[in-house]
Each structure stands twice: as structure tokens, then as C-alpha cells.
């Protein structure tokens, strides 16, 4: 779908991607201006729409691009050799924090993208979130030593409770961020709260 764009020299690709990430992250989908994007990227508007059919296609491309950039590095560092469930989860949170510091613009864009209520993109974003969540949960849980969990409680229900807990926590953090100017998120504070939940859940569900 994006063959024309990927045939462009890397330096120009980076200019376009960085300009678009900045514009969408700062203004949201509806208020973002393709005029500002092409000005920042130093290209013509006609050329932008030669690569991407319209603003929506550009936005959805960026969502996939940013997610794949983070996911690739995340799974390169992910501790698949750690079989203790909660130790693995702790390390995954640390990796995400490190990546958020390394790629602040990408994290900001992804955060804003999933908070955006623009009608033109909302159905696609909700679908992407479900797909990404299901894919990541399956990968992250693979190879865990489930023998550490209690035998008197259904394992699948335990995993659902844990998954729902952190999905709900994520939703609450995004909702709180919407109410703050700049939509800033305190990742260190979130990590500390996640750690508290880990301890509670471990006490409830480990033998």
C-alpha cells in the first residue's frame, strides 16, 4: 500500500514521518494540518498525497509504523527466558519505561492516537487496540511457568483477571491524562502503582 513512500530516500521518509508525528501528537487528528506537515517536512502537498491517499491514511500508517518500531525493539529485549510470571511482567514494564525515554515523540503520538475521539478514525483505532492487546498478551504469556499459580482457581480466569486489571489501569491513566494540559503521563508513578498491583495479585494467585 505504501510502496511509493518506501521507495523515497530514507532522509525524506524521516522528515515526513517526524513532521507528521509532531503535528498529530500536538494537535490531535481533527486539528492537525497537512499544510503544516508538508511545511515542516519541506515537501509539496501534492507529493504528500502522492505517497498517502489522504490524511486518514497517513495517520493510520503512522500508528502502525510507531507501534512496529516500539514492538520490534521491545521483543528484542523481552525476557522470554524468565518463566516466573510476575518477574517477567516487571521486566516488561521496565523495558517500556526505557523505550518511552528513548522514543518520547513516538510514545506521545501513540498515547494521543489512542485517546483521540475523532469520528473519522475512532472505529479503526478501537479495532487496532483490540488486535494489539490480543497479540501482545499471547506473546508475553508464552512460556510462563504456570505451575506457580494456585491449583484451586481456574488458571484462565486468573489470567483474565490480571489482564483486565492492567487494561483497566491503562484506560484510567489515559482518561486522567486527557484532563491534564499537554496530556503528560508520569511513567515512574505508574510503574510504582503497577508494582503494588503485582504484589497483591501474586499474593492472591500464587501458591
N, C-alpha and C. Protein backbone atom coordinates (compact mmCIF):
# COMPACT_ATOMS: atom_id res chain seq x y z
N UNK A 1 0.81 -1.21 0.00
CA UNK A 1 0.00 0.00 0.00
C UNK A 1 0.85 1.27 0.00
N UNK A 2 1.99 1.20 0.67
CA UNK A 2 2.84 2.39 0.81
C UNK A 2 4.13 2.27 0.01
N UNK A 3 4.07 1.55 -1.11
CA UNK A 3 5.26 1.30 -1.92
C UNK A 3 5.91 2.59 -2.39
N UNK A 4 5.10 3.55 -2.81
CA UNK A 4 5.65 4.82 -3.31
C UNK A 4 6.44 5.53 -2.21
N UNK A 5 5.90 5.48 -0.99
CA UNK A 5 6.58 6.16 0.12
C UNK A 5 7.89 5.46 0.46
N UNK A 6 7.87 4.15 0.50
CA UNK A 6 9.07 3.41 0.89
C UNK A 6 10.15 3.42 -0.20
N UNK A 7 9.79 3.85 -1.39
CA UNK A 7 10.79 4.00 -2.45
C UNK A 7 11.52 5.34 -2.37
N UNK A 8 11.05 6.21 -1.49
CA UNK A 8 11.69 7.52 -1.29
C UNK A 8 12.96 7.33 -0.46
N UNK A 9 13.94 8.20 -0.66
CA UNK A 9 15.17 8.11 0.11
C UNK A 9 14.87 8.22 1.61
N UNK A 10 15.59 7.48 2.45
CA UNK A 10 15.32 7.43 3.89
C UNK A 10 15.28 8.80 4.57
N UNK A 11 16.14 9.71 4.14
CA UNK A 11 16.17 11.03 4.79
C UNK A 11 14.85 11.76 4.60
N UNK A 12 14.26 11.65 3.43
CA UNK A 12 12.96 12.30 3.18
C UNK A 12 11.86 11.57 3.93
N UNK A 13 11.93 10.25 3.98
CA UNK A 13 10.95 9.49 4.76
C UNK A 13 10.94 9.97 6.20
N UNK A 14 12.12 10.12 6.77
CA UNK A 14 12.22 10.54 8.17
C UNK A 14 11.64 11.93 8.39
N UNK A 15 11.88 12.83 7.43
CA UNK A 15 11.34 14.20 7.55
C UNK A 15 9.82 14.18 7.58
N UNK A 16 9.25 13.39 6.70
CA UNK A 16 7.78 13.31 6.61
C UNK A 16 7.21 12.67 7.87
N UNK A 17 7.79 11.56 8.28
CA UNK A 17 7.30 10.85 9.47
C UNK A 17 7.42 11.73 10.71
N UNK A 18 8.56 12.35 10.91
CA UNK A 18 8.76 13.18 12.09
C UNK A 18 7.84 14.39 12.11
N UNK A 19 7.64 15.01 10.95
CA UNK A 19 6.75 16.16 10.87
C UNK A 19 5.31 15.76 11.17
N UNK A 20 4.89 14.62 10.64
CA UNK A 20 3.51 14.17 10.85
C UNK A 20 3.28 13.74 12.29
N UNK A 21 4.24 13.03 12.87
CA UNK A 21 4.13 12.62 14.28
C UNK A 21 3.98 13.86 15.17
N UNK A 22 4.81 14.84 14.93
CA UNK A 22 4.77 16.08 15.73
C UNK A 22 3.42 16.77 15.61
N UNK A 23 2.92 16.92 14.40
CA UNK A 23 1.66 17.64 14.17
C UNK A 23 0.47 16.90 14.79
N UNK A 24 0.38 15.60 14.57
CA UNK A 24 -0.74 14.84 15.12
C UNK A 24 -0.67 14.77 16.65
N UNK A 25 0.52 14.59 17.20
CA UNK A 25 0.67 14.48 18.65
C UNK A 25 0.32 15.78 19.35
N UNK A 26 0.66 16.90 18.74
CA UNK A 26 0.41 18.20 19.36
C UNK A 26 -1.04 18.65 19.22
N UNK A 27 -1.68 18.32 18.09
CA UNK A 27 -2.99 18.91 17.81
C UNK A 27 -4.14 17.91 17.75
N UNK A 28 -3.83 16.61 17.71
CA UNK A 28 -4.90 15.64 17.54
C UNK A 28 -5.28 15.51 16.07
N UNK A 29 -6.06 14.49 15.77
CA UNK A 29 -6.35 14.18 14.36
C UNK A 29 -7.12 15.31 13.66
N UNK A 30 -8.22 15.75 14.25
CA UNK A 30 -9.07 16.72 13.57
C UNK A 30 -8.37 18.05 13.31
N UNK A 31 -7.59 18.53 14.29
CA UNK A 31 -6.97 19.84 14.17
C UNK A 31 -5.61 19.81 13.46
N UNK A 32 -5.05 18.62 13.30
CA UNK A 32 -3.75 18.52 12.62
C UNK A 32 -3.88 19.00 11.17
N UNK A 33 -2.88 19.73 10.71
CA UNK A 33 -2.92 20.33 9.38
C UNK A 33 -1.88 19.68 8.47
N UNK A 34 -2.34 19.17 7.33
CA UNK A 34 -1.37 18.63 6.37
C UNK A 34 -0.51 19.76 5.78
N UNK A 35 -1.04 20.99 5.79
CA UNK A 35 -0.24 22.13 5.34
C UNK A 35 0.99 22.32 6.23
N UNK A 36 0.77 22.17 7.54
CA UNK A 36 1.88 22.30 8.49
C UNK A 36 2.86 21.14 8.34
N UNK A 37 2.33 19.95 8.07
CA UNK A 37 3.18 18.76 7.92
C UNK A 37 4.11 18.94 6.72
N UNK A 38 3.56 19.36 5.58
CA UNK A 38 4.41 19.50 4.38
C UNK A 38 5.39 20.66 4.54
N UNK A 39 4.98 21.69 5.27
CA UNK A 39 5.88 22.81 5.52
C UNK A 39 7.07 22.36 6.36
N UNK A 40 6.78 21.61 7.42
CA UNK A 40 7.83 21.11 8.31
C UNK A 40 8.72 20.10 7.58
N UNK A 41 8.11 19.26 6.74
CA UNK A 41 8.86 18.21 6.03
C UNK A 41 9.57 18.74 4.78
N UNK A 42 9.26 19.98 4.40
CA UNK A 42 9.87 20.62 3.23
C UNK A 42 9.57 19.85 1.94
N UNK A 43 8.28 19.51 1.78
CA UNK A 43 7.83 18.87 0.54
C UNK A 43 6.54 19.56 0.11
N UNK A 44 6.08 19.26 -1.10
CA UNK A 44 4.82 19.82 -1.57
C UNK A 44 3.66 18.98 -1.06
N UNK A 45 2.49 19.61 -0.97
CA UNK A 45 1.30 18.89 -0.53
C UNK A 45 0.93 17.81 -1.53
N UNK A 46 1.12 18.11 -2.82
CA UNK A 46 0.83 17.12 -3.84
C UNK A 46 1.67 15.87 -3.68
N UNK A 47 2.93 16.07 -3.27
CA UNK A 47 3.81 14.93 -3.08
C UNK A 47 3.38 14.09 -1.89
N UNK A 48 2.94 14.76 -0.81
CA UNK A 48 2.45 14.02 0.36
C UNK A 48 1.29 13.12 -0.03
N UNK A 49 0.35 13.66 -0.82
CA UNK A 49 -0.81 12.88 -1.21
C UNK A 49 -0.51 11.94 -2.39
N UNK A 50 0.67 12.04 -2.93
CA UNK A 50 1.15 11.02 -3.87
C UNK A 50 1.55 9.77 -3.09
N UNK A 51 2.10 9.98 -1.89
CA UNK A 51 2.52 8.86 -1.04
C UNK A 51 1.35 8.28 -0.24
N UNK A 52 0.48 9.18 0.22
CA UNK A 52 -0.65 8.77 1.06
C UNK A 52 -1.92 9.36 0.47
N UNK A 53 -2.93 8.53 0.33
CA UNK A 53 -4.16 8.95 -0.36
C UNK A 53 -4.82 10.16 0.30
N UNK A 54 -4.78 10.19 1.64
CA UNK A 54 -5.43 11.29 2.35
C UNK A 54 -4.87 11.36 3.78
N UNK A 55 -5.36 12.28 4.54
CA UNK A 55 -4.91 12.50 5.91
C UNK A 55 -5.13 11.25 6.78
N UNK A 56 -6.26 10.61 6.61
CA UNK A 56 -6.58 9.42 7.40
C UNK A 56 -5.58 8.30 7.13
N UNK A 57 -5.26 8.08 5.86
CA UNK A 57 -4.31 7.02 5.53
C UNK A 57 -2.93 7.32 6.11
N UNK A 58 -2.54 8.58 6.07
CA UNK A 58 -1.26 8.98 6.67
C UNK A 58 -1.26 8.70 8.16
N UNK A 59 -2.33 9.05 8.83
CA UNK A 59 -2.44 8.85 10.28
C UNK A 59 -2.36 7.37 10.64
N UNK A 60 -3.13 6.55 9.96
CA UNK A 60 -3.14 5.11 10.26
C UNK A 60 -1.81 4.46 9.93
N UNK A 61 -1.15 4.95 8.88
CA UNK A 61 0.20 4.48 8.59
C UNK A 61 1.14 4.77 9.76
N UNK A 62 1.05 5.98 10.31
CA UNK A 62 1.91 6.38 11.43
C UNK A 62 1.66 5.52 12.66
N UNK A 63 0.39 5.19 12.91
CA UNK A 63 0.06 4.34 14.06
C UNK A 63 0.77 3.00 13.93
N UNK A 64 0.67 2.39 12.74
CA UNK A 64 1.33 1.09 12.51
C UNK A 64 2.85 1.22 12.57
N UNK A 65 3.36 2.27 11.96
CA UNK A 65 4.81 2.49 11.94
C UNK A 65 5.36 2.65 13.36
N UNK A 66 4.70 3.47 14.16
CA UNK A 66 5.18 3.73 15.53
C UNK A 66 5.06 2.48 16.39
N UNK A 67 3.94 1.79 16.26
CA UNK A 67 3.76 0.57 17.05
C UNK A 67 4.82 -0.47 16.68
N UNK A 68 5.04 -0.67 15.39
CA UNK A 68 6.01 -1.67 14.95
C UNK A 68 7.43 -1.30 15.37
N UNK A 69 7.74 -0.02 15.35
CA UNK A 69 9.08 0.44 15.79
C UNK A 69 9.31 0.07 17.25
N UNK A 70 8.32 0.35 18.09
CA UNK A 70 8.44 0.05 19.52
C UNK A 70 8.38 -1.45 19.77
N UNK A 71 7.44 -2.13 19.11
CA UNK A 71 7.26 -3.57 19.35
C UNK A 71 8.51 -4.36 18.97
N UNK A 72 9.14 -3.99 17.85
CA UNK A 72 10.33 -4.72 17.41
C UNK A 72 11.43 -4.66 18.47
N UNK A 73 11.70 -3.46 18.97
CA UNK A 73 12.75 -3.32 19.98
C UNK A 73 12.33 -3.92 21.31
N UNK A 74 11.05 -3.78 21.65
CA UNK A 74 10.55 -4.35 22.91
C UNK A 74 10.77 -5.86 22.94
N UNK A 75 10.40 -6.55 21.86
CA UNK A 75 10.52 -8.00 21.86
C UNK A 75 11.96 -8.48 21.68
N UNK A 76 12.82 -7.62 21.16
CA UNK A 76 14.24 -7.97 21.14
C UNK A 76 14.80 -8.02 22.56
N UNK A 77 14.27 -7.17 23.42
CA UNK A 77 14.76 -7.09 24.80
C UNK A 77 13.92 -7.92 25.77
N UNK A 78 12.79 -8.42 25.31
CA UNK A 78 11.85 -9.10 26.21
C UNK A 78 12.46 -10.37 26.79
N UNK A 79 12.31 -10.59 28.11
CA UNK A 79 12.93 -11.74 28.78
C UNK A 79 12.14 -13.04 28.62
N UNK A 80 12.14 -13.62 27.44
CA UNK A 80 11.40 -14.86 27.22
C UNK A 80 11.96 -16.01 28.05
N UNK A 81 13.23 -15.88 28.49
CA UNK A 81 13.83 -16.93 29.31
C UNK A 81 13.42 -16.83 30.77
N UNK A 82 12.75 -15.76 31.16
CA UNK A 82 12.23 -15.61 32.52
C UNK A 82 10.85 -16.26 32.58
N UNK A 83 10.73 -17.35 33.34
CA UNK A 83 9.47 -18.10 33.34
C UNK A 83 8.54 -17.72 34.49
N UNK A 84 9.05 -16.99 35.48
CA UNK A 84 8.17 -16.52 36.55
C UNK A 84 7.29 -15.40 36.00
N UNK A 85 6.01 -15.56 36.11
CA UNK A 85 5.06 -14.64 35.50
C UNK A 85 5.29 -13.20 35.95
N UNK A 86 5.34 -12.97 37.25
CA UNK A 86 5.41 -11.59 37.75
C UNK A 86 6.79 -10.97 37.54
N UNK A 87 7.84 -11.77 37.60
CA UNK A 87 9.17 -11.24 37.27
C UNK A 87 9.22 -10.80 35.80
N UNK A 88 8.59 -11.61 34.96
CA UNK A 88 8.55 -11.28 33.53
C UNK A 88 7.77 -9.98 33.31
N UNK A 89 6.65 -9.84 34.01
CA UNK A 89 5.84 -8.63 33.86
C UNK A 89 6.60 -7.40 34.35
N UNK A 90 7.31 -7.54 35.46
CA UNK A 90 8.10 -6.41 35.97
C UNK A 90 9.14 -5.96 34.94
N UNK A 91 9.83 -6.94 34.38
CA UNK A 91 10.87 -6.60 33.40
C UNK A 91 10.26 -5.97 32.15
N UNK A 92 9.07 -6.42 31.76
CA UNK A 92 8.43 -5.84 30.58
C UNK A 92 8.06 -4.38 30.81
N UNK A 93 7.63 -4.06 32.04
CA UNK A 93 7.30 -2.67 32.38
C UNK A 93 8.56 -1.81 32.33
N UNK A 94 9.66 -2.34 32.85
CA UNK A 94 10.93 -1.60 32.83
C UNK A 94 11.37 -1.33 31.39
N UNK A 95 11.22 -2.32 30.53
CA UNK A 95 11.59 -2.14 29.12
C UNK A 95 10.74 -1.04 28.50
N UNK A 96 9.44 -1.03 28.78
CA UNK A 96 8.56 0.00 28.22
C UNK A 96 8.98 1.38 28.71
N UNK A 97 9.36 1.49 29.98
CA UNK A 97 9.80 2.78 30.51
C UNK A 97 11.07 3.24 29.81
N UNK A 98 12.00 2.32 29.60
CA UNK A 98 13.24 2.67 28.91
C UNK A 98 12.96 3.14 27.48
N UNK A 99 12.03 2.46 26.81
CA UNK A 99 11.69 2.83 25.44
C UNK A 99 10.96 4.18 25.40
N UNK A 100 10.15 4.44 26.43
CA UNK A 100 9.45 5.73 26.45
C UNK A 100 10.42 6.89 26.61
N UNK A 101 11.54 6.65 27.28
CA UNK A 101 12.56 7.68 27.43
C UNK A 101 13.40 7.81 26.15
N UNK A 102 13.56 6.70 25.45
CA UNK A 102 14.35 6.72 24.22
C UNK A 102 13.56 7.28 23.04
N UNK A 103 12.25 7.00 23.01
CA UNK A 103 11.40 7.45 21.90
C UNK A 103 10.22 8.27 22.43
N UNK A 104 10.49 9.40 23.07
CA UNK A 104 9.39 10.18 23.67
C UNK A 104 8.36 10.66 22.65
N UNK A 105 8.80 11.04 21.45
CA UNK A 105 7.87 11.54 20.44
C UNK A 105 6.93 10.44 19.95
N UNK A 106 7.49 9.26 19.76
CA UNK A 106 6.68 8.13 19.30
C UNK A 106 5.67 7.73 20.38
N UNK A 107 6.11 7.67 21.63
CA UNK A 107 5.19 7.31 22.72
C UNK A 107 4.10 8.36 22.86
N UNK A 108 4.48 9.63 22.72
CA UNK A 108 3.49 10.70 22.81
C UNK A 108 2.46 10.56 21.71
N UNK A 109 2.91 10.28 20.50
CA UNK A 109 1.99 10.12 19.38
C UNK A 109 1.05 8.94 19.62
N UNK A 110 1.59 7.78 20.02
CA UNK A 110 0.76 6.60 20.25
C UNK A 110 -0.27 6.88 21.35
N UNK A 111 0.18 7.52 22.42
CA UNK A 111 -0.71 7.87 23.52
C UNK A 111 -1.87 8.75 23.01
N UNK A 112 -1.53 9.79 22.26
CA UNK A 112 -2.55 10.70 21.75
C UNK A 112 -3.47 9.99 20.76
N UNK A 113 -2.91 9.11 19.95
CA UNK A 113 -3.69 8.41 18.94
C UNK A 113 -4.79 7.57 19.57
N UNK A 114 -4.47 6.89 20.66
CA UNK A 114 -5.46 6.03 21.30
C UNK A 114 -6.41 6.80 22.20
N UNK A 115 -6.10 8.07 22.50
CA UNK A 115 -7.02 8.92 23.25
C UNK A 115 -7.91 9.73 22.32
N UNK A 116 -7.57 9.78 21.05
CA UNK A 116 -8.27 10.65 20.10
C UNK A 116 -9.70 10.15 19.85
N UNK A 117 -10.66 11.05 19.99
CA UNK A 117 -12.06 10.69 19.79
C UNK A 117 -12.60 11.09 18.42
N UNK A 118 -11.72 11.48 17.51
CA UNK A 118 -12.16 11.90 16.18
C UNK A 118 -12.97 10.78 15.51
N UNK A 119 -14.16 11.13 15.04
CA UNK A 119 -15.07 10.12 14.49
C UNK A 119 -14.49 9.41 13.27
N UNK A 120 -13.67 10.10 12.50
CA UNK A 120 -13.13 9.52 11.27
C UNK A 120 -12.17 8.36 11.52
N UNK A 121 -11.51 8.37 12.67
CA UNK A 121 -10.52 7.32 12.95
C UNK A 121 -10.89 6.41 14.12
N UNK A 122 -11.88 6.78 14.90
CA UNK A 122 -12.18 6.05 16.15
C UNK A 122 -12.44 4.55 15.93
N UNK A 123 -13.27 4.16 14.95
CA UNK A 123 -13.51 2.71 14.76
C UNK A 123 -12.22 1.94 14.47
N UNK A 124 -11.37 2.50 13.60
CA UNK A 124 -10.10 1.83 13.27
C UNK A 124 -9.19 1.75 14.48
N UNK A 125 -9.15 2.82 15.28
CA UNK A 125 -8.28 2.83 16.45
C UNK A 125 -8.75 1.83 17.50
N UNK A 126 -10.04 1.71 17.69
CA UNK A 126 -10.58 0.74 18.64
C UNK A 126 -10.25 -0.69 18.19
N UNK A 127 -10.36 -0.93 16.89
CA UNK A 127 -10.02 -2.25 16.35
C UNK A 127 -8.54 -2.55 16.50
N UNK A 128 -7.69 -1.55 16.20
CA UNK A 128 -6.25 -1.74 16.34
C UNK A 128 -5.88 -2.03 17.78
N UNK A 129 -6.50 -1.32 18.73
CA UNK A 129 -6.19 -1.53 20.14
C UNK A 129 -6.52 -2.95 20.56
N UNK A 130 -7.68 -3.46 20.14
CA UNK A 130 -8.06 -4.84 20.47
C UNK A 130 -7.07 -5.84 19.88
N UNK A 131 -6.71 -5.62 18.62
CA UNK A 131 -5.79 -6.55 17.95
C UNK A 131 -4.41 -6.52 18.59
N UNK A 132 -3.90 -5.33 18.89
CA UNK A 132 -2.58 -5.20 19.51
C UNK A 132 -2.57 -5.83 20.90
N UNK A 133 -3.65 -5.60 21.66
CA UNK A 133 -3.73 -6.16 23.01
C UNK A 133 -3.72 -7.68 22.97
N UNK A 134 -4.54 -8.27 22.09
CA UNK A 134 -4.61 -9.73 21.99
C UNK A 134 -3.26 -10.31 21.56
N UNK A 135 -2.62 -9.68 20.58
CA UNK A 135 -1.33 -10.16 20.08
C UNK A 135 -0.27 -10.10 21.18
N UNK A 136 -0.21 -8.99 21.89
CA UNK A 136 0.83 -8.82 22.91
C UNK A 136 0.61 -9.73 24.10
N UNK A 137 -0.64 -9.91 24.51
CA UNK A 137 -0.93 -10.80 25.64
C UNK A 137 -0.47 -12.22 25.31
N UNK A 138 -0.79 -12.68 24.11
CA UNK A 138 -0.40 -14.04 23.72
C UNK A 138 1.12 -14.21 23.71
N UNK A 139 1.85 -13.20 23.22
CA UNK A 139 3.30 -13.28 23.18
C UNK A 139 3.91 -13.22 24.58
N UNK A 140 3.43 -12.29 25.38
CA UNK A 140 4.01 -12.05 26.70
C UNK A 140 3.78 -13.23 27.63
N UNK A 141 2.65 -13.91 27.50
CA UNK A 141 2.33 -15.03 28.38
C UNK A 141 2.96 -16.35 27.93
N UNK A 142 3.52 -16.37 26.74
CA UNK A 142 4.08 -17.61 26.18
C UNK A 142 5.28 -18.09 26.99
N UNK A 143 5.28 -19.39 27.38
CA UNK A 143 6.42 -19.98 28.07
C UNK A 143 6.48 -19.73 29.56
N UNK A 144 5.43 -19.17 30.14
CA UNK A 144 5.40 -18.90 31.59
C UNK A 144 5.24 -20.21 32.36
N UNK A 145 5.85 -20.27 33.54
CA UNK A 145 5.71 -21.43 34.43
C UNK A 145 4.40 -21.28 35.21
N UNK A 146 3.34 -21.87 34.69
CA UNK A 146 2.03 -21.71 35.31
C UNK A 146 1.85 -22.60 36.54
N UNK A 147 2.84 -23.47 36.82
CA UNK A 147 2.72 -24.36 37.99
C UNK A 147 2.80 -23.56 39.30
N UNK A 148 3.26 -22.32 39.23
CA UNK A 148 3.35 -21.49 40.43
C UNK A 148 2.00 -20.94 40.87
N UNK A 149 1.03 -21.00 39.96
CA UNK A 149 -0.29 -20.49 40.30
C UNK A 149 -1.09 -21.51 41.11
N UNK A 150 -2.03 -21.02 41.87
CA UNK A 150 -2.86 -21.89 42.72
C UNK A 150 -3.61 -22.92 41.87
N UNK A 151 -3.76 -24.11 42.45
CA UNK A 151 -4.46 -25.19 41.74
C UNK A 151 -5.96 -25.13 41.94
N UNK A 152 -6.40 -24.40 42.98
CA UNK A 152 -7.83 -24.39 43.31
C UNK A 152 -8.59 -23.26 42.61
N UNK A 153 -7.93 -22.53 41.72
CA UNK A 153 -8.58 -21.47 40.96
C UNK A 153 -8.27 -21.70 39.48
N UNK A 154 -9.28 -21.55 38.65
CA UNK A 154 -9.11 -21.77 37.21
C UNK A 154 -8.05 -20.82 36.65
N UNK A 155 -7.02 -21.38 36.00
CA UNK A 155 -5.90 -20.59 35.50
C UNK A 155 -6.34 -19.54 34.49
N UNK A 156 -7.22 -19.91 33.59
CA UNK A 156 -7.67 -18.96 32.57
C UNK A 156 -8.39 -17.76 33.18
N UNK A 157 -9.13 -18.03 34.26
CA UNK A 157 -9.81 -16.93 34.95
C UNK A 157 -8.79 -16.03 35.66
N UNK A 158 -7.74 -16.64 36.22
CA UNK A 158 -6.67 -15.85 36.85
C UNK A 158 -6.04 -14.91 35.83
N UNK A 159 -5.69 -15.46 34.67
CA UNK A 159 -5.03 -14.66 33.63
C UNK A 159 -5.96 -13.56 33.11
N UNK A 160 -7.25 -13.86 33.02
CA UNK A 160 -8.20 -12.83 32.60
C UNK A 160 -8.28 -11.71 33.63
N UNK A 161 -8.31 -12.07 34.91
CA UNK A 161 -8.37 -11.06 35.97
C UNK A 161 -7.13 -10.16 35.91
N UNK A 162 -5.96 -10.77 35.73
CA UNK A 162 -4.72 -10.00 35.66
C UNK A 162 -4.73 -9.09 34.43
N UNK A 163 -5.12 -9.65 33.29
CA UNK A 163 -5.16 -8.87 32.06
C UNK A 163 -6.15 -7.72 32.19
N UNK A 164 -7.34 -8.00 32.70
CA UNK A 164 -8.36 -6.95 32.85
C UNK A 164 -7.90 -5.87 33.82
N UNK A 165 -7.20 -6.27 34.86
CA UNK A 165 -6.71 -5.30 35.85
C UNK A 165 -5.83 -4.25 35.17
N UNK A 166 -4.89 -4.71 34.36
CA UNK A 166 -3.95 -3.77 33.76
C UNK A 166 -4.54 -3.06 32.54
N UNK A 167 -5.52 -3.68 31.87
CA UNK A 167 -6.22 -2.97 30.81
C UNK A 167 -7.03 -1.82 31.42
N UNK A 168 -7.70 -2.09 32.53
CA UNK A 168 -8.48 -1.06 33.21
C UNK A 168 -7.56 0.04 33.74
N UNK A 169 -6.43 -0.34 34.29
CA UNK A 169 -5.48 0.65 34.78
C UNK A 169 -4.99 1.53 33.65
N UNK A 170 -4.70 0.92 32.51
CA UNK A 170 -4.26 1.68 31.34
C UNK A 170 -5.34 2.66 30.89
N UNK A 171 -6.60 2.19 30.86
CA UNK A 171 -7.71 3.06 30.48
C UNK A 171 -7.83 4.26 31.43
N UNK A 172 -7.68 3.99 32.73
CA UNK A 172 -7.80 5.07 33.72
C UNK A 172 -6.68 6.09 33.56
N UNK A 173 -5.45 5.61 33.28
CA UNK A 173 -4.32 6.53 33.11
C UNK A 173 -4.53 7.40 31.88
N UNK A 174 -5.06 6.82 30.80
CA UNK A 174 -5.32 7.61 29.60
C UNK A 174 -6.43 8.63 29.86
N UNK A 175 -7.44 8.23 30.61
CA UNK A 175 -8.53 9.15 30.94
C UNK A 175 -8.02 10.31 31.78
N UNK A 176 -7.18 10.01 32.77
CA UNK A 176 -6.61 11.08 33.61
C UNK A 176 -5.72 12.01 32.79
N UNK A 177 -4.96 11.42 31.85
CA UNK A 177 -4.06 12.22 31.03
C UNK A 177 -4.84 13.20 30.16
N UNK A 178 -6.05 12.79 29.70
CA UNK A 178 -6.87 13.67 28.88
C UNK A 178 -7.23 14.96 29.61
N UNK A 179 -7.31 14.89 30.94
CA UNK A 179 -7.74 16.04 31.73
C UNK A 179 -6.59 16.97 32.08
N UNK A 180 -5.37 16.56 31.76
CA UNK A 180 -4.19 17.35 32.10
C UNK A 180 -3.70 18.10 30.87
N UNK A 181 -3.41 19.40 30.99
CA UNK A 181 -2.84 20.13 29.85
C UNK A 181 -1.57 19.45 29.34
N UNK A 182 -1.51 19.22 28.05
CA UNK A 182 -0.35 18.54 27.48
C UNK A 182 -0.44 17.03 27.53
N UNK A 183 -1.47 16.51 28.25
CA UNK A 183 -1.70 15.07 28.34
C UNK A 183 -0.47 14.30 28.82
N UNK A 184 0.28 14.90 29.73
CA UNK A 184 1.51 14.25 30.20
C UNK A 184 1.18 13.07 31.12
N UNK A 185 1.98 12.00 31.00
CA UNK A 185 1.82 10.83 31.86
C UNK A 185 3.11 10.62 32.66
N UNK A 186 2.95 10.37 33.95
CA UNK A 186 4.09 10.15 34.84
C UNK A 186 4.37 8.65 34.86
N UNK A 187 5.28 8.20 33.98
CA UNK A 187 5.51 6.77 33.84
C UNK A 187 6.14 6.14 35.09
N UNK A 188 6.95 6.90 35.80
CA UNK A 188 7.56 6.36 37.03
C UNK A 188 6.50 6.12 38.10
N UNK A 189 5.57 7.04 38.22
CA UNK A 189 4.47 6.88 39.17
C UNK A 189 3.62 5.68 38.79
N UNK A 190 3.36 5.55 37.50
CA UNK A 190 2.56 4.42 37.02
C UNK A 190 3.28 3.10 37.33
N UNK A 191 4.60 3.07 37.12
CA UNK A 191 5.37 1.86 37.40
C UNK A 191 5.23 1.47 38.88
N UNK A 192 5.33 2.45 39.76
CA UNK A 192 5.23 2.16 41.19
C UNK A 192 3.85 1.60 41.55
N UNK A 193 2.82 2.11 40.90
CA UNK A 193 1.47 1.60 41.15
C UNK A 193 1.32 0.19 40.59
N UNK A 194 1.90 -0.03 39.42
CA UNK A 194 1.87 -1.37 38.81
C UNK A 194 2.54 -2.38 39.75
N UNK A 195 3.64 -1.98 40.33
CA UNK A 195 4.37 -2.86 41.27
C UNK A 195 3.49 -3.25 42.46
N UNK A 196 2.71 -2.30 42.94
CA UNK A 196 1.80 -2.59 44.06
C UNK A 196 0.75 -3.64 43.64
N UNK A 197 0.24 -3.50 42.44
CA UNK A 197 -0.73 -4.47 41.94
C UNK A 197 -0.09 -5.85 41.75
N UNK A 198 1.14 -5.87 41.27
CA UNK A 198 1.85 -7.14 41.13
C UNK A 198 1.89 -7.89 42.46
N UNK A 199 2.24 -7.19 43.52
CA UNK A 199 2.36 -7.82 44.84
C UNK A 199 1.00 -8.35 45.32
N UNK A 200 -0.05 -7.57 45.10
CA UNK A 200 -1.40 -8.01 45.51
C UNK A 200 -1.82 -9.25 44.73
N UNK A 201 -1.64 -9.21 43.42
CA UNK A 201 -2.04 -10.31 42.58
C UNK A 201 -1.21 -11.56 42.83
N UNK A 202 0.06 -11.36 43.10
CA UNK A 202 0.92 -12.50 43.41
C UNK A 202 0.48 -13.16 44.71
N UNK A 203 0.14 -12.36 45.70
CA UNK A 203 -0.34 -12.90 46.97
C UNK A 203 -1.65 -13.66 46.79
N UNK A 204 -2.51 -13.16 45.91
CA UNK A 204 -3.81 -13.79 45.69
C UNK A 204 -3.72 -15.09 44.91
N UNK A 205 -2.84 -15.14 43.92
CA UNK A 205 -2.90 -16.22 42.95
C UNK A 205 -1.72 -17.18 42.94
N UNK A 206 -0.63 -16.86 43.63
CA UNK A 206 0.47 -17.83 43.71
C UNK A 206 0.25 -18.76 44.90
N UNK A 207 0.84 -19.93 44.82
CA UNK A 207 0.74 -20.90 45.92
C UNK A 207 1.49 -20.40 47.14
